[in-house]
N, C-alpha and C. Protein backbone atom coordinates (compact mmCIF):
# COMPACT_ATOMS: atom_id res chain seq x y z
N UNK A 1 28.39 30.36 -0.09
CA UNK A 1 28.70 29.65 1.20
C UNK A 1 27.59 30.48 2.07
N UNK A 2 27.40 30.00 3.26
CA UNK A 2 26.65 30.57 4.25
C UNK A 2 27.02 31.82 4.76
N UNK A 3 28.16 32.02 5.09
CA UNK A 3 28.75 33.40 5.33
C UNK A 3 28.45 34.47 4.16
N UNK A 4 28.65 34.08 2.82
CA UNK A 4 28.28 35.21 1.89
C UNK A 4 26.86 35.37 1.77
N UNK A 5 25.85 34.33 2.06
CA UNK A 5 24.68 34.63 2.01
C UNK A 5 24.06 35.55 3.18
N UNK A 6 24.79 35.22 4.43
CA UNK A 6 24.48 36.22 5.51
C UNK A 6 24.90 37.51 5.31
N UNK A 7 26.11 37.79 4.75
CA UNK A 7 26.42 39.10 4.29
C UNK A 7 25.44 39.73 3.25
N UNK A 8 25.04 39.15 2.36
CA UNK A 8 24.12 39.60 1.29
C UNK A 8 22.72 39.96 1.98
N UNK A 9 22.29 39.06 2.89
CA UNK A 9 20.98 39.41 3.70
C UNK A 9 21.15 40.62 4.42
N UNK A 10 22.39 40.91 4.98
CA UNK A 10 22.64 42.19 5.72
C UNK A 10 22.41 43.26 4.93
N UNK A 11 23.22 43.08 3.59
CA UNK A 11 23.11 44.12 2.43
C UNK A 11 21.76 44.53 2.24
N UNK A 12 20.90 43.43 2.07
CA UNK A 12 19.55 43.62 1.63
C UNK A 12 18.74 44.49 2.74
N UNK A 13 19.08 44.05 4.03
CA UNK A 13 18.32 44.71 5.06
C UNK A 13 18.74 46.35 5.12
N UNK A 14 19.87 46.66 4.59
CA UNK A 14 20.24 47.86 4.58
C UNK A 14 19.97 48.72 3.03
N UNK A 15 19.43 48.07 2.38
CA UNK A 15 19.32 48.57 0.99
C UNK A 15 17.95 49.09 0.78
N UNK A 16 18.00 50.47 0.48
CA UNK A 16 16.75 51.33 0.16
C UNK A 16 17.23 52.22 -1.15
N UNK A 17 16.01 52.50 -1.88
CA UNK A 17 16.34 53.48 -2.81
C UNK A 17 16.92 54.79 -2.40
N UNK A 18 18.03 55.19 -3.11
CA UNK A 18 18.62 56.54 -2.80
C UNK A 18 17.86 57.62 -3.10
N UNK A 19 18.01 58.77 -2.59
CA UNK A 19 17.28 60.03 -2.84
C UNK A 19 17.17 60.42 -4.35
N UNK A 20 18.23 60.23 -4.96
CA UNK A 20 18.26 60.72 -6.39
C UNK A 20 18.33 59.52 -7.41
N UNK A 21 17.99 58.41 -6.87
CA UNK A 21 18.12 57.24 -7.66
C UNK A 21 16.95 56.94 -8.47
N UNK A 22 17.23 56.53 -9.80
CA UNK A 22 16.10 56.47 -10.66
C UNK A 22 15.48 55.05 -10.18
N UNK A 23 14.11 54.88 -10.33
CA UNK A 23 13.42 53.85 -9.82
C UNK A 23 13.80 52.43 -10.59
N UNK A 24 14.13 52.61 -11.75
CA UNK A 24 14.48 51.36 -12.56
C UNK A 24 15.81 50.88 -12.17
N UNK A 25 16.70 51.96 -11.97
CA UNK A 25 18.16 51.68 -11.43
C UNK A 25 18.07 50.84 -10.04
N UNK A 26 17.15 51.29 -9.18
CA UNK A 26 17.14 50.85 -7.74
C UNK A 26 16.57 49.49 -7.92
N UNK A 27 15.33 49.19 -8.85
CA UNK A 27 14.83 47.92 -9.05
C UNK A 27 15.85 46.75 -9.50
N UNK A 28 16.80 47.17 -10.48
CA UNK A 28 17.74 46.37 -10.98
C UNK A 28 18.76 46.02 -9.87
N UNK A 29 19.07 46.92 -9.11
CA UNK A 29 20.00 46.78 -7.90
C UNK A 29 19.57 45.66 -6.77
N UNK A 30 18.19 45.99 -6.60
CA UNK A 30 17.52 45.13 -5.62
C UNK A 30 17.28 43.69 -6.22
N UNK A 31 16.93 43.68 -7.42
CA UNK A 31 16.73 42.15 -8.08
C UNK A 31 18.18 41.51 -8.10
N UNK A 32 19.20 42.20 -8.50
CA UNK A 32 20.47 41.68 -8.69
C UNK A 32 20.89 41.08 -7.18
N UNK A 33 20.71 41.79 -6.17
CA UNK A 33 21.08 41.31 -4.78
C UNK A 33 20.19 40.28 -4.31
N UNK A 34 18.79 40.30 -4.52
CA UNK A 34 17.92 39.24 -4.13
C UNK A 34 18.30 37.89 -4.96
N UNK A 35 18.50 37.90 -6.15
CA UNK A 35 18.97 36.80 -6.92
C UNK A 35 19.94 36.18 -6.68
N UNK A 36 21.06 36.96 -6.14
CA UNK A 36 22.32 36.45 -5.50
C UNK A 36 22.06 35.73 -4.24
N UNK A 37 21.14 36.16 -3.51
CA UNK A 37 20.63 35.49 -2.20
C UNK A 37 19.95 34.10 -2.55
N UNK A 38 19.01 34.19 -3.30
CA UNK A 38 18.17 33.10 -3.70
C UNK A 38 17.86 33.17 -5.29
N UNK A 39 18.63 32.36 -5.98
CA UNK A 39 18.38 32.41 -7.49
C UNK A 39 16.93 32.09 -7.90
N UNK A 40 16.27 31.45 -7.02
CA UNK A 40 14.75 31.06 -7.39
C UNK A 40 13.89 32.05 -6.66
N UNK A 41 14.35 33.10 -6.34
CA UNK A 41 13.62 34.13 -5.68
C UNK A 41 12.29 34.39 -6.30
N UNK A 42 11.18 34.34 -5.40
CA UNK A 42 9.83 34.41 -6.16
C UNK A 42 9.43 35.84 -6.34
N UNK A 43 8.60 35.82 -7.30
CA UNK A 43 8.02 37.28 -7.75
C UNK A 43 7.38 37.99 -6.57
N UNK A 44 6.89 37.31 -5.82
CA UNK A 44 6.11 37.86 -4.61
C UNK A 44 6.98 38.56 -3.61
N UNK A 45 8.08 37.81 -3.39
CA UNK A 45 9.09 38.33 -2.31
C UNK A 45 9.85 39.72 -3.00
N UNK A 46 10.03 39.48 -4.27
CA UNK A 46 10.65 40.60 -4.89
C UNK A 46 9.76 41.87 -5.05
N UNK A 47 8.47 41.61 -5.17
CA UNK A 47 7.47 42.83 -5.33
C UNK A 47 7.33 43.42 -3.89
N UNK A 48 7.24 42.52 -2.82
CA UNK A 48 7.16 42.98 -1.36
C UNK A 48 8.36 43.83 -1.11
N UNK A 49 9.50 43.36 -1.39
CA UNK A 49 10.77 44.07 -1.11
C UNK A 49 10.78 45.41 -1.83
N UNK A 50 10.61 45.30 -3.05
CA UNK A 50 10.76 46.53 -3.92
C UNK A 50 9.79 47.61 -3.47
N UNK A 51 8.57 47.43 -3.00
CA UNK A 51 7.54 48.34 -2.65
C UNK A 51 8.24 48.79 -1.25
N UNK A 52 8.57 47.79 -0.23
CA UNK A 52 8.96 48.12 0.99
C UNK A 52 10.10 49.25 1.04
N UNK A 53 11.03 49.03 0.06
CA UNK A 53 12.40 49.74 0.30
C UNK A 53 12.20 50.86 -0.85
N UNK A 54 11.06 51.26 -1.41
CA UNK A 54 10.91 52.45 -2.33
C UNK A 54 11.15 53.69 -1.39
N UNK A 55 11.72 54.81 -2.08
CA UNK A 55 11.65 56.10 -1.28
C UNK A 55 10.32 56.19 -0.74
N UNK A 56 10.38 56.91 0.50
CA UNK A 56 9.01 57.03 1.29
C UNK A 56 7.98 57.88 0.42
N UNK A 57 8.42 58.92 -0.39
CA UNK A 57 7.76 59.82 -1.00
C UNK A 57 7.09 59.24 -2.32
N UNK A 58 7.66 58.24 -2.78
CA UNK A 58 6.97 57.35 -3.89
C UNK A 58 6.08 56.34 -3.20
N UNK A 59 6.53 55.69 -2.37
CA UNK A 59 5.86 54.68 -1.51
C UNK A 59 4.48 54.94 -0.93
N UNK A 60 4.41 56.27 -0.44
CA UNK A 60 3.11 56.70 0.07
C UNK A 60 2.06 57.05 -1.09
N UNK A 61 2.65 57.29 -2.25
CA UNK A 61 1.64 57.61 -3.36
C UNK A 61 1.45 56.41 -4.27
N UNK A 62 1.97 55.34 -4.00
CA UNK A 62 1.85 54.22 -4.74
C UNK A 62 0.65 53.35 -4.36
N UNK A 63 -0.35 53.37 -5.25
CA UNK A 63 -1.61 52.64 -4.95
C UNK A 63 -1.58 51.54 -6.07
N UNK A 64 -1.11 50.19 -5.50
CA UNK A 64 -1.10 49.15 -6.57
C UNK A 64 -1.63 47.88 -5.92
N UNK A 65 -1.87 46.91 -6.95
CA UNK A 65 -2.30 45.73 -6.39
C UNK A 65 -1.11 44.93 -6.30
N UNK A 66 -0.72 44.17 -5.28
CA UNK A 66 0.56 43.38 -5.23
C UNK A 66 0.32 42.15 -6.36
N UNK A 67 -0.89 41.88 -6.74
CA UNK A 67 -1.03 40.79 -7.74
C UNK A 67 -0.65 41.17 -9.17
N UNK A 68 -0.43 42.47 -9.27
CA UNK A 68 0.13 42.90 -10.74
C UNK A 68 1.47 42.23 -11.04
N UNK A 69 1.60 42.14 -12.28
CA UNK A 69 3.05 41.71 -12.50
C UNK A 69 4.13 42.76 -12.09
N UNK A 70 5.25 42.35 -11.77
CA UNK A 70 6.36 43.15 -11.21
C UNK A 70 6.79 44.35 -12.16
N UNK A 71 6.55 44.14 -13.43
CA UNK A 71 6.96 45.21 -14.38
C UNK A 71 5.97 46.31 -14.31
N UNK A 72 4.66 45.92 -14.07
CA UNK A 72 3.59 46.97 -13.93
C UNK A 72 3.82 47.72 -12.66
N UNK A 73 4.24 47.01 -11.63
CA UNK A 73 4.51 47.70 -10.41
C UNK A 73 5.66 48.86 -10.59
N UNK A 74 6.66 48.43 -11.17
CA UNK A 74 7.85 49.17 -11.36
C UNK A 74 7.45 50.33 -12.31
N UNK A 75 6.66 50.11 -13.38
CA UNK A 75 6.21 51.12 -14.25
C UNK A 75 5.36 52.44 -13.45
N UNK A 76 4.57 51.70 -12.79
CA UNK A 76 3.46 52.56 -11.92
C UNK A 76 4.35 53.38 -10.88
N UNK A 77 5.45 53.08 -10.42
CA UNK A 77 6.20 53.70 -9.48
C UNK A 77 7.07 54.67 -10.07
N UNK A 78 7.57 54.31 -11.51
CA UNK A 78 8.31 55.17 -12.17
C UNK A 78 7.53 56.49 -12.51
N UNK A 79 6.25 56.43 -12.76
CA UNK A 79 5.36 57.52 -13.15
C UNK A 79 4.99 58.36 -11.96
N UNK A 80 5.41 58.23 -10.85
CA UNK A 80 5.19 59.03 -9.64
C UNK A 80 6.19 60.19 -9.48
């Protein structure tokens, strides 16, 4: 329903990687939510949101090409 999607979008706006959260766990949580909002969610949108909502200490050190596959971006962020 429209109300449920609005609620999920609000949840997405408030979702960020927690301080002690494993990067892969954060990615799975984000991906699950984004897929609930839009089952046809594009990889580009997922990559953008993943990077945008990473912990700032990881995001500032992450130097990746947005055109890489999402699994490579997640892997690179895990290694930081």
